[in-house]
Amino acid sequence: MAYDIPEIWCEVSSIELERFVREYPRPFEARPALSQRKVNYREWLGPALGERPTNVVAKTWKRGRCTGYQVLSMSTCPGRSFC
């Protein structure tokens, strides 16, 4: 039986997310909102990492007054200096 490596996400600040987006070493795509209802959720995809959902490298969301920013951990993508 094979086990997949679990995704490990790091909580970051908005400034750290902006830095991550600027310094990401490969081309990536910003996924648009799926619908008007889900406009407060956004993902950045790394096409070189495969198909969605395994190629999501960063995400942000907003619910009420709470905003969250996450980037994929170094342990799943070596060479990153963000978490």
N, C-alpha and C. Protein backbone atom coordinates (compact mmCIF):
# COMPACT_ATOMS: atom_id res chain seq x y z
N MET A 1 0.84 -1.16 0.00
CA MET A 1 0.00 0.00 0.00
C MET A 1 0.90 1.24 0.00
N ALA A 2 0.63 2.19 -0.89
CA ALA A 2 1.42 3.41 -0.98
C ALA A 2 0.70 4.54 -0.25
N TYR A 3 1.48 5.36 0.40
CA TYR A 3 0.93 6.52 1.11
C TYR A 3 1.39 7.79 0.43
N ASP A 4 0.47 8.72 0.26
CA ASP A 4 0.83 10.02 -0.29
C ASP A 4 1.44 10.87 0.80
N ILE A 5 2.35 11.75 0.41
CA ILE A 5 2.91 12.71 1.36
C ILE A 5 1.81 13.74 1.66
N PRO A 6 1.50 13.96 2.93
CA PRO A 6 0.45 14.93 3.24
C PRO A 6 0.90 16.34 2.91
N GLU A 7 -0.06 17.16 2.50
CA GLU A 7 0.24 18.56 2.25
C GLU A 7 0.41 19.26 3.58
N ILE A 8 1.45 20.05 3.67
CA ILE A 8 1.70 20.80 4.88
C ILE A 8 1.71 22.27 4.50
N TRP A 9 0.77 23.00 5.06
CA TRP A 9 0.62 24.42 4.75
C TRP A 9 1.13 25.27 5.89
N CYS A 10 1.77 26.37 5.56
CA CYS A 10 2.28 27.32 6.55
C CYS A 10 1.43 28.58 6.50
N GLU A 11 0.99 29.02 7.65
CA GLU A 11 0.29 30.29 7.76
C GLU A 11 1.32 31.40 7.60
N VAL A 12 1.05 32.38 6.75
CA VAL A 12 1.97 33.50 6.53
C VAL A 12 1.19 34.80 6.57
N SER A 13 1.90 35.91 6.62
CA SER A 13 1.27 37.22 6.58
C SER A 13 1.05 37.62 5.11
N SER A 14 0.30 38.68 4.91
CA SER A 14 0.05 39.14 3.53
C SER A 14 1.36 39.58 2.87
N ILE A 15 2.27 40.17 3.64
CA ILE A 15 3.56 40.59 3.09
C ILE A 15 4.39 39.38 2.66
N GLU A 16 4.38 38.32 3.48
CA GLU A 16 5.11 37.10 3.12
C GLU A 16 4.51 36.43 1.89
N LEU A 17 3.18 36.47 1.76
CA LEU A 17 2.54 35.90 0.57
C LEU A 17 2.94 36.69 -0.67
N GLU A 18 2.95 38.02 -0.59
CA GLU A 18 3.37 38.85 -1.72
C GLU A 18 4.80 38.54 -2.12
N ARG A 19 5.68 38.38 -1.13
CA ARG A 19 7.07 38.03 -1.41
C ARG A 19 7.16 36.67 -2.09
N PHE A 20 6.39 35.71 -1.59
CA PHE A 20 6.36 34.37 -2.18
C PHE A 20 5.95 34.44 -3.65
N VAL A 21 4.89 35.19 -3.94
CA VAL A 21 4.40 35.31 -5.31
C VAL A 21 5.46 35.97 -6.21
N ARG A 22 6.15 36.98 -5.71
CA ARG A 22 7.20 37.66 -6.50
C ARG A 22 8.41 36.76 -6.75
N GLU A 23 8.79 35.95 -5.74
CA GLU A 23 10.04 35.20 -5.82
C GLU A 23 9.88 33.73 -6.20
N TYR A 24 8.66 33.29 -6.48
CA TYR A 24 8.45 31.88 -6.82
C TYR A 24 9.29 31.55 -8.06
N PRO A 25 10.11 30.48 -8.03
CA PRO A 25 11.09 30.22 -9.08
C PRO A 25 10.51 29.74 -10.42
N ARG A 26 9.29 29.27 -10.44
CA ARG A 26 8.70 28.76 -11.69
C ARG A 26 7.47 29.58 -12.05
N PRO A 27 7.06 29.51 -13.32
CA PRO A 27 5.82 30.20 -13.69
C PRO A 27 4.63 29.56 -12.97
N PHE A 28 3.66 30.36 -12.59
CA PHE A 28 2.46 29.83 -11.96
C PHE A 28 1.26 30.62 -12.44
N GLU A 29 0.10 30.12 -12.15
CA GLU A 29 -1.16 30.75 -12.58
C GLU A 29 -1.96 31.14 -11.35
N ALA A 30 -2.57 32.31 -11.41
CA ALA A 30 -3.51 32.71 -10.36
C ALA A 30 -4.88 32.22 -10.81
N ARG A 31 -5.45 31.34 -10.04
CA ARG A 31 -6.75 30.76 -10.40
C ARG A 31 -7.86 31.77 -10.07
N PRO A 32 -8.69 32.11 -11.05
CA PRO A 32 -9.77 33.07 -10.78
C PRO A 32 -10.83 32.46 -9.86
N ALA A 33 -11.65 33.33 -9.30
CA ALA A 33 -12.74 32.87 -8.44
C ALA A 33 -13.68 31.97 -9.23
N LEU A 34 -14.15 30.90 -8.60
CA LEU A 34 -15.03 29.95 -9.28
C LEU A 34 -16.41 30.54 -9.57
N SER A 35 -16.87 31.38 -8.68
CA SER A 35 -18.19 31.99 -8.84
C SER A 35 -18.22 33.28 -8.03
N GLN A 36 -19.26 34.05 -8.21
CA GLN A 36 -19.41 35.29 -7.45
C GLN A 36 -19.47 34.99 -5.95
N ARG A 37 -20.05 33.86 -5.60
CA ARG A 37 -20.18 33.48 -4.19
C ARG A 37 -18.82 33.16 -3.55
N LYS A 38 -17.89 32.65 -4.36
CA LYS A 38 -16.58 32.24 -3.84
C LYS A 38 -15.49 33.25 -4.19
N VAL A 39 -15.86 34.51 -4.32
CA VAL A 39 -14.91 35.54 -4.72
C VAL A 39 -13.85 35.79 -3.64
N ASN A 40 -14.10 35.39 -2.41
CA ASN A 40 -13.16 35.61 -1.31
C ASN A 40 -12.15 34.48 -1.13
N TYR A 41 -12.02 33.60 -2.12
CA TYR A 41 -11.07 32.49 -2.06
C TYR A 41 -10.23 32.52 -3.34
N ARG A 42 -8.91 32.41 -3.20
CA ARG A 42 -8.05 32.45 -4.38
C ARG A 42 -6.90 31.46 -4.20
N GLU A 43 -6.49 30.85 -5.30
CA GLU A 43 -5.37 29.89 -5.29
C GLU A 43 -4.37 30.27 -6.37
N TRP A 44 -3.10 29.95 -6.10
CA TRP A 44 -2.04 30.07 -7.09
C TRP A 44 -1.56 28.66 -7.41
N LEU A 45 -1.52 28.33 -8.70
CA LEU A 45 -1.21 26.97 -9.15
C LEU A 45 0.15 26.92 -9.84
N GLY A 46 0.90 25.85 -9.57
CA GLY A 46 2.17 25.59 -10.25
C GLY A 46 1.98 24.47 -11.26
N PRO A 47 1.77 24.80 -12.53
CA PRO A 47 1.50 23.78 -13.55
C PRO A 47 2.58 22.70 -13.63
N ALA A 48 3.81 23.03 -13.29
CA ALA A 48 4.89 22.04 -13.35
C ALA A 48 4.74 20.96 -12.29
N LEU A 49 3.88 21.19 -11.30
CA LEU A 49 3.70 20.23 -10.20
C LEU A 49 2.56 19.24 -10.46
N GLY A 50 1.90 19.32 -11.60
CA GLY A 50 0.83 18.39 -11.92
C GLY A 50 -0.51 19.07 -12.05
N GLU A 51 -1.55 18.29 -11.83
CA GLU A 51 -2.93 18.78 -11.96
C GLU A 51 -3.48 19.23 -10.62
N ARG A 52 -4.48 20.10 -10.67
CA ARG A 52 -5.15 20.53 -9.47
C ARG A 52 -5.86 19.34 -8.83
N PRO A 53 -5.86 19.14 -7.57
CA PRO A 53 -5.47 20.04 -6.49
C PRO A 53 -4.04 19.87 -6.02
N THR A 54 -3.27 18.97 -6.62
CA THR A 54 -1.91 18.74 -6.13
C THR A 54 -0.93 19.83 -6.53
N ASN A 55 -1.30 20.74 -7.42
CA ASN A 55 -0.37 21.77 -7.85
C ASN A 55 -0.64 23.13 -7.21
N VAL A 56 -1.46 23.19 -6.19
CA VAL A 56 -1.72 24.46 -5.50
C VAL A 56 -0.50 24.79 -4.64
N VAL A 57 0.08 25.99 -4.82
CA VAL A 57 1.27 26.38 -4.07
C VAL A 57 0.99 27.47 -3.05
N ALA A 58 -0.11 28.20 -3.22
CA ALA A 58 -0.47 29.25 -2.26
C ALA A 58 -1.98 29.48 -2.34
N LYS A 59 -2.54 29.96 -1.23
CA LYS A 59 -3.96 30.26 -1.23
C LYS A 59 -4.27 31.34 -0.20
N THR A 60 -5.35 32.05 -0.46
CA THR A 60 -5.81 33.08 0.45
C THR A 60 -7.33 33.05 0.49
N TRP A 61 -7.89 33.44 1.60
CA TRP A 61 -9.34 33.45 1.74
C TRP A 61 -9.75 34.52 2.73
N LYS A 62 -11.02 34.87 2.69
CA LYS A 62 -11.57 35.84 3.63
C LYS A 62 -12.96 35.39 4.03
N ARG A 63 -13.20 35.36 5.34
CA ARG A 63 -14.52 35.04 5.89
C ARG A 63 -14.83 36.08 6.95
N GLY A 64 -15.79 36.91 6.68
CA GLY A 64 -16.09 37.99 7.61
C GLY A 64 -14.89 38.89 7.76
N ARG A 65 -14.42 39.06 9.00
CA ARG A 65 -13.25 39.90 9.26
C ARG A 65 -11.95 39.11 9.26
N CYS A 66 -12.03 37.80 9.11
CA CYS A 66 -10.83 36.95 9.15
C CYS A 66 -10.27 36.74 7.75
N THR A 67 -8.98 36.92 7.61
CA THR A 67 -8.29 36.68 6.35
C THR A 67 -7.16 35.69 6.61
N GLY A 68 -7.00 34.72 5.72
CA GLY A 68 -5.95 33.73 5.87
C GLY A 68 -5.07 33.67 4.64
N TYR A 69 -3.79 33.46 4.87
CA TYR A 69 -2.80 33.32 3.80
C TYR A 69 -1.98 32.08 4.11
N GLN A 70 -1.82 31.21 3.11
CA GLN A 70 -1.03 29.98 3.30
C GLN A 70 -0.18 29.72 2.08
N VAL A 71 1.02 29.19 2.32
CA VAL A 71 1.89 28.71 1.25
C VAL A 71 2.28 27.27 1.58
N LEU A 72 2.58 26.51 0.55
CA LEU A 72 2.99 25.12 0.74
C LEU A 72 4.33 25.08 1.44
N SER A 73 4.48 24.17 2.36
CA SER A 73 5.68 24.08 3.20
C SER A 73 6.91 23.63 2.43
N MET A 74 8.09 23.98 2.95
CA MET A 74 9.36 23.55 2.38
C MET A 74 9.50 22.04 2.38
N SER A 75 8.90 21.36 3.36
CA SER A 75 9.08 19.92 3.46
C SER A 75 8.48 19.18 2.27
N THR A 76 7.49 19.79 1.62
CA THR A 76 6.91 19.15 0.44
C THR A 76 7.51 19.69 -0.85
N CYS A 77 8.12 20.87 -0.78
CA CYS A 77 8.79 21.46 -1.95
C CYS A 77 10.13 22.02 -1.52
N PRO A 78 11.18 21.20 -1.50
CA PRO A 78 12.49 21.65 -1.04
C PRO A 78 12.99 22.86 -1.84
N GLY A 79 13.75 23.70 -1.17
CA GLY A 79 14.34 24.84 -1.84
C GLY A 79 13.61 26.14 -1.57
N ARG A 80 12.45 26.08 -0.95
CA ARG A 80 11.72 27.29 -0.63
C ARG A 80 12.18 27.82 0.70
N SER A 81 12.18 29.13 0.85
CA SER A 81 12.62 29.72 2.10
C SER A 81 11.47 30.41 2.83
N PHE A 82 10.25 30.03 2.56
CA PHE A 82 9.11 30.73 3.12
C PHE A 82 8.58 30.15 4.41
N CYS A 83 8.73 28.85 4.66
CA CYS A 83 8.29 28.30 5.94
C CYS A 83 9.30 27.29 6.41
